[in-house]
Amino acid sequence: MTRGRVPLDRALSKLGLASRADARRLIREGRVAVDGTVAQSPLRLVVPEQVSIAIDGIARTPRAAHRTIAFHKPRGVVTTTRDPDGRRTVFDVLGSAGDGLVAVGRLDRASTGLLILTTDTQLANRLTDPANHIVRRYVVTVRGRVDADAVTRLVEGIDTIDTRGRHERLSATHVSIRKASGRETHLIIELDEGRNREIRRMLAALGHEVTRLHRIAFGAIELGNLQPGEWRPIA
């Protein structure tokens, strides 16, 4: 096969115009034209980026490639496109780099660390769907000493009240103590759901105020050495 050339059915799939099965059907039905000529075979070799393709007489342009980035959200900015109170948003920080992106879940204004943003809404839905149990990992600092009994309660579940006044049981998938003193405790906490202010609410129920909440991983994606306000492409 000549370098760069692929079968027409694969080209349509590669360009995001149809699945290979649908492409073969469309070609067999005489509904696909390449450079103005009706295609006769799904096996016709083409260079996808160098031909003009029409389906049912309508010129089709390739689907734009999705873009996903990892962003280090600084403290004091909100995870929203616009803020009615005029607070600085993650998109203000990103500038033109944030064009077309949506945030995958949120970090509250006081929290920092890894925020994923993407143009792929299906990816965003997969990452945030509780049924998929995608683990988020946080470094958390709280006032006071958190002991082993409190760690057990965090994993087994704690009854809290949500923002609407409803009872809600929250739990972490894993909790470990990095350092503890009478003044403060440093924890690693993992969650597999993204409920509103979940960590802060659980620890408040145990009598501990969170003074720092920093996300370091979302599934297989890690914050790494990104500094506040910096970002890197994932795909």
Protein backbone atom coordinates (compact mmCIF):
# COMPACT_ATOMS: atom_id res chain seq x y z
CA MET A 1 0.00 0.00 0.00
CA THR A 2 1.33 3.47 -0.91
CA ARG A 3 2.35 5.41 2.18
CA GLY A 4 -0.48 7.63 3.46
CA ARG A 5 -3.19 5.87 1.45
CA VAL A 6 -5.93 3.88 3.17
CA PRO A 7 -9.12 2.17 1.99
CA LEU A 8 -12.00 4.62 1.54
CA ASP A 9 -14.12 3.05 4.28
CA ARG A 10 -11.25 3.46 6.72
CA ALA A 11 -10.70 7.03 5.54
CA LEU A 12 -14.31 7.95 6.33
CA SER A 13 -13.91 6.45 9.77
CA LYS A 14 -10.56 8.14 10.34
CA LEU A 15 -12.05 11.51 9.41
CA GLY A 16 -14.96 10.98 11.79
CA LEU A 17 -17.55 10.97 8.99
CA ALA A 18 -18.95 7.44 9.54
CA SER A 19 -18.12 4.14 11.17
CA ARG A 20 -16.40 1.65 8.84
CA ALA A 21 -19.57 -0.44 8.63
CA ASP A 22 -21.69 2.61 7.79
CA ALA A 23 -19.04 3.80 5.35
CA ARG A 24 -19.12 0.49 3.44
CA ARG A 25 -22.93 0.65 3.27
CA LEU A 26 -22.92 4.26 2.03
CA ILE A 27 -20.33 3.43 -0.64
CA ARG A 28 -22.25 0.35 -1.83
CA GLU A 29 -25.37 2.49 -2.13
CA GLY A 30 -23.51 4.98 -4.36
CA ARG A 31 -23.89 7.83 -1.85
CA VAL A 32 -20.20 8.72 -1.49
CA ALA A 33 -18.25 10.83 -3.97
CA VAL A 34 -14.50 11.44 -3.93
CA ASP A 35 -13.24 14.54 -5.74
CA GLY A 36 -16.61 14.76 -7.53
CA THR A 37 -16.75 11.12 -8.71
CA VAL A 38 -19.05 8.53 -7.16
CA ALA A 39 -16.97 5.91 -5.36
CA GLN A 40 -17.40 2.34 -6.56
CA SER A 41 -15.55 0.40 -3.88
CA PRO A 42 -14.85 0.68 -0.13
CA LEU A 43 -11.34 -0.59 -0.94
CA ARG A 44 -10.43 2.38 -3.11
CA LEU A 45 -7.19 3.85 -1.79
CA VAL A 46 -7.16 7.52 -0.86
CA VAL A 47 -5.08 9.92 1.20
CA PRO A 48 -7.75 11.09 3.69
CA GLU A 49 -6.35 14.58 4.20
CA GLN A 50 -5.93 15.24 0.45
CA VAL A 51 -9.33 14.37 -1.02
CA SER A 52 -12.71 16.07 -1.10
CA ILE A 53 -15.48 13.79 0.14
CA ALA A 54 -19.23 14.28 -0.29
CA ILE A 55 -22.01 12.13 1.14
CA ASP A 56 -25.44 12.41 -0.52
CA GLY A 57 -24.09 15.35 -2.50
CA ILE A 58 -23.10 17.32 0.60
CA ALA A 59 -19.43 18.10 1.11
CA ARG A 60 -18.21 16.74 4.43
CA THR A 61 -15.39 18.22 6.43
CA PRO A 62 -13.46 16.11 8.92
CA ARG A 63 -14.57 16.23 12.52
CA ALA A 64 -12.21 18.45 14.51
CA ALA A 65 -9.92 16.49 16.77
CA HIS A 66 -10.85 16.66 20.42
CA ARG A 67 -8.57 18.49 22.80
CA THR A 68 -8.00 17.66 26.47
CA ILE A 69 -5.68 19.38 28.92
CA ALA A 70 -4.48 18.99 32.50
CA PHE A 71 -4.56 22.30 34.36
CA HIS A 72 -3.20 23.27 37.79
CA LYS A 73 -6.06 25.27 39.26
CA PRO A 74 -4.78 28.02 41.54
CA ARG A 75 -6.44 28.90 44.83
CA GLY A 76 -9.08 31.63 44.67
CA VAL A 77 -10.45 30.99 41.16
CA VAL A 78 -13.80 29.38 40.43
CA THR A 79 -14.52 26.49 38.07
CA THR A 80 -17.09 28.12 35.84
CA THR A 81 -17.20 29.83 32.47
CA ARG A 82 -18.47 33.13 33.89
CA ASP A 83 -19.08 34.22 37.45
CA PRO A 84 -22.00 36.57 38.22
CA ASP A 85 -20.08 37.95 41.20
CA GLY A 86 -17.12 38.90 39.03
CA ARG A 87 -14.70 36.45 40.60
CA ARG A 88 -11.78 35.22 38.53
CA THR A 89 -12.48 31.92 36.74
CA VAL A 90 -10.25 29.13 35.46
CA PHE A 91 -11.03 30.38 31.95
CA ASP A 92 -9.72 33.83 32.85
CA VAL A 93 -6.47 32.13 33.84
CA LEU A 94 -6.33 29.96 30.71
CA GLY A 95 -7.18 32.74 28.27
CA SER A 96 -7.39 31.57 24.65
CA ALA A 97 -6.06 28.13 25.68
CA GLY A 98 -9.46 27.48 27.27
CA ASP A 99 -11.51 28.17 24.12
CA GLY A 100 -14.06 25.41 23.54
CA LEU A 101 -13.12 23.47 26.68
CA VAL A 102 -15.42 22.31 29.46
CA ALA A 103 -14.27 21.37 32.96
CA VAL A 104 -14.53 17.72 33.98
CA GLY A 105 -16.13 18.10 37.41
CA ARG A 106 -15.13 20.96 39.68
CA LEU A 107 -12.79 22.12 42.37
CA ASP A 108 -14.21 24.69 44.76
CA ARG A 109 -12.71 28.16 44.99
CA ALA A 110 -10.43 27.36 47.93
CA SER A 111 -9.17 24.07 46.45
CA THR A 112 -6.17 23.67 44.18
CA GLY A 113 -4.61 21.11 41.90
CA LEU A 114 -5.51 18.98 38.93
CA LEU A 115 -8.47 20.01 36.82
CA ILE A 116 -9.14 18.27 33.51
CA LEU A 117 -10.72 20.27 30.71
CA THR A 118 -11.79 18.89 27.34
CA THR A 119 -13.79 19.49 24.18
CA ASP A 120 -14.94 15.85 24.32
CA THR A 121 -18.24 15.79 26.22
CA GLN A 122 -18.42 11.99 26.00
CA LEU A 123 -15.06 11.74 27.74
CA ALA A 124 -16.23 14.20 30.39
CA ASN A 125 -19.35 12.12 31.01
CA ARG A 126 -17.34 8.89 31.29
CA LEU A 127 -14.92 10.41 33.78
CA THR A 128 -17.64 11.86 36.02
CA ASP A 129 -20.19 9.01 35.86
CA PRO A 130 -20.24 7.47 39.38
CA ALA A 131 -20.84 4.04 37.82
CA ASN A 132 -17.30 4.10 36.42
CA HIS A 133 -15.65 4.60 39.84
CA ILE A 134 -12.84 6.84 38.54
CA VAL A 135 -10.56 7.53 41.51
CA ARG A 136 -9.61 11.10 42.45
CA ARG A 137 -6.64 11.51 44.82
CA TYR A 138 -6.18 14.48 47.15
CA VAL A 139 -3.62 15.79 49.61
CA VAL A 140 -5.60 17.28 52.48
CA THR A 141 -4.53 19.27 55.54
CA VAL A 142 -6.92 19.66 58.49
CA ARG A 143 -6.81 21.29 61.90
CA GLY A 144 -6.25 18.91 64.80
CA ARG A 145 -5.18 15.29 65.02
CA VAL A 146 -7.00 12.71 62.88
CA ASP A 147 -6.65 9.29 64.49
CA ALA A 148 -7.09 5.74 63.18
CA ASP A 149 -10.72 5.61 64.34
CA ALA A 150 -11.53 8.70 62.27
CA VAL A 151 -9.84 7.15 59.24
CA THR A 152 -12.02 4.06 59.64
CA ARG A 153 -15.14 6.21 59.83
CA LEU A 154 -14.17 8.12 56.69
CA VAL A 155 -13.93 4.85 54.74
CA GLU A 156 -16.99 3.18 56.26
CA GLY A 157 -19.14 6.25 55.69
CA ILE A 158 -20.31 9.37 57.49
CA ASP A 159 -23.82 10.82 57.58
CA THR A 160 -23.88 14.46 56.50
CA ILE A 161 -26.38 17.10 55.39
CA ASP A 162 -26.17 18.35 51.80
CA THR A 163 -26.69 21.93 50.62
CA ARG A 164 -30.45 21.31 50.35
CA GLY A 165 -30.73 20.07 53.88
CA ARG A 166 -31.03 16.41 52.92
CA HIS A 167 -29.25 13.58 54.70
CA GLU A 168 -26.44 12.07 52.64
CA ARG A 169 -23.96 9.32 53.47
CA LEU A 170 -20.47 9.97 52.19
CA SER A 171 -17.38 7.78 52.20
CA ALA A 172 -13.84 7.70 50.88
CA THR A 173 -12.37 4.70 49.05
CA HIS A 174 -9.01 5.08 50.81
CA VAL A 175 -7.52 7.31 53.51
CA SER A 176 -3.97 7.37 54.85
CA ILE A 177 -2.24 9.63 57.36
CA ARG A 178 0.99 11.21 56.12
CA LYS A 179 1.76 13.23 59.23
CA ALA A 180 -0.18 14.09 62.39
CA SER A 181 0.28 16.38 65.34
CA GLY A 182 -1.98 18.06 67.84
CA ARG A 183 -2.06 21.12 65.57
CA GLU A 184 -2.80 19.58 62.18
CA THR A 185 -2.93 16.37 60.18
CA HIS A 186 -1.89 15.71 56.58
CA LEU A 187 -3.94 13.07 54.75
CA ILE A 188 -4.12 11.32 51.40
CA ILE A 189 -7.78 10.80 50.52
CA GLU A 190 -9.17 8.95 47.51
CA LEU A 191 -12.75 9.22 46.25
CA ASP A 192 -14.48 7.49 43.36
CA GLU A 193 -17.35 9.98 43.10
CA GLY A 194 -17.38 13.73 42.75
CA ARG A 195 -20.02 14.98 45.18
CA ASN A 196 -20.28 18.60 46.22
CA ARG A 197 -17.60 19.56 48.80
CA GLU A 198 -17.46 15.89 49.82
CA ILE A 199 -14.14 15.88 51.66
CA ARG A 200 -14.82 19.13 53.51
CA ARG A 201 -18.24 17.90 54.64
CA MET A 202 -16.96 14.53 55.87
CA LEU A 203 -14.14 16.05 57.88
CA ALA A 204 -16.36 18.80 59.27
CA ALA A 205 -18.69 16.08 60.54
CA LEU A 206 -15.69 14.70 62.48
CA GLY A 207 -14.85 18.12 63.88
CA HIS A 208 -11.91 18.92 61.57
CA GLU A 209 -11.64 22.05 59.43
CA VAL A 210 -9.92 21.58 56.07
CA THR A 211 -7.22 24.21 55.58
CA ARG A 212 -5.80 22.84 52.32
CA LEU A 213 -7.34 20.58 49.67
CA HIS A 214 -5.14 19.77 46.69
CA ARG A 215 -6.03 17.26 43.96
CA ILE A 216 -3.02 15.38 42.61
CA ALA A 217 -4.62 12.74 40.37
CA PHE A 218 -7.82 12.03 38.45
CA GLY A 219 -7.82 8.42 37.30
CA ALA A 220 -4.55 7.75 35.48
CA ILE A 221 -3.88 11.46 34.93
CA GLU A 222 -1.54 13.06 37.48
CA LEU A 223 -0.81 16.70 38.23
CA GLY A 224 2.92 16.07 38.06
CA ASN A 225 5.14 19.16 38.20
CA LEU A 226 2.61 21.65 36.80
CA GLN A 227 2.74 24.93 38.68
CA PRO A 228 -0.42 26.94 39.58
CA GLY A 229 -1.93 28.36 36.41
CA GLU A 230 0.07 26.07 34.11
CA TRP A 231 -1.40 23.44 31.81
CA ARG A 232 -0.27 20.66 29.50
CA PRO A 233 -2.05 18.84 26.67
CA ILE A 234 -3.24 15.30 27.33
CA ALA A 235 -4.69 14.63 23.89
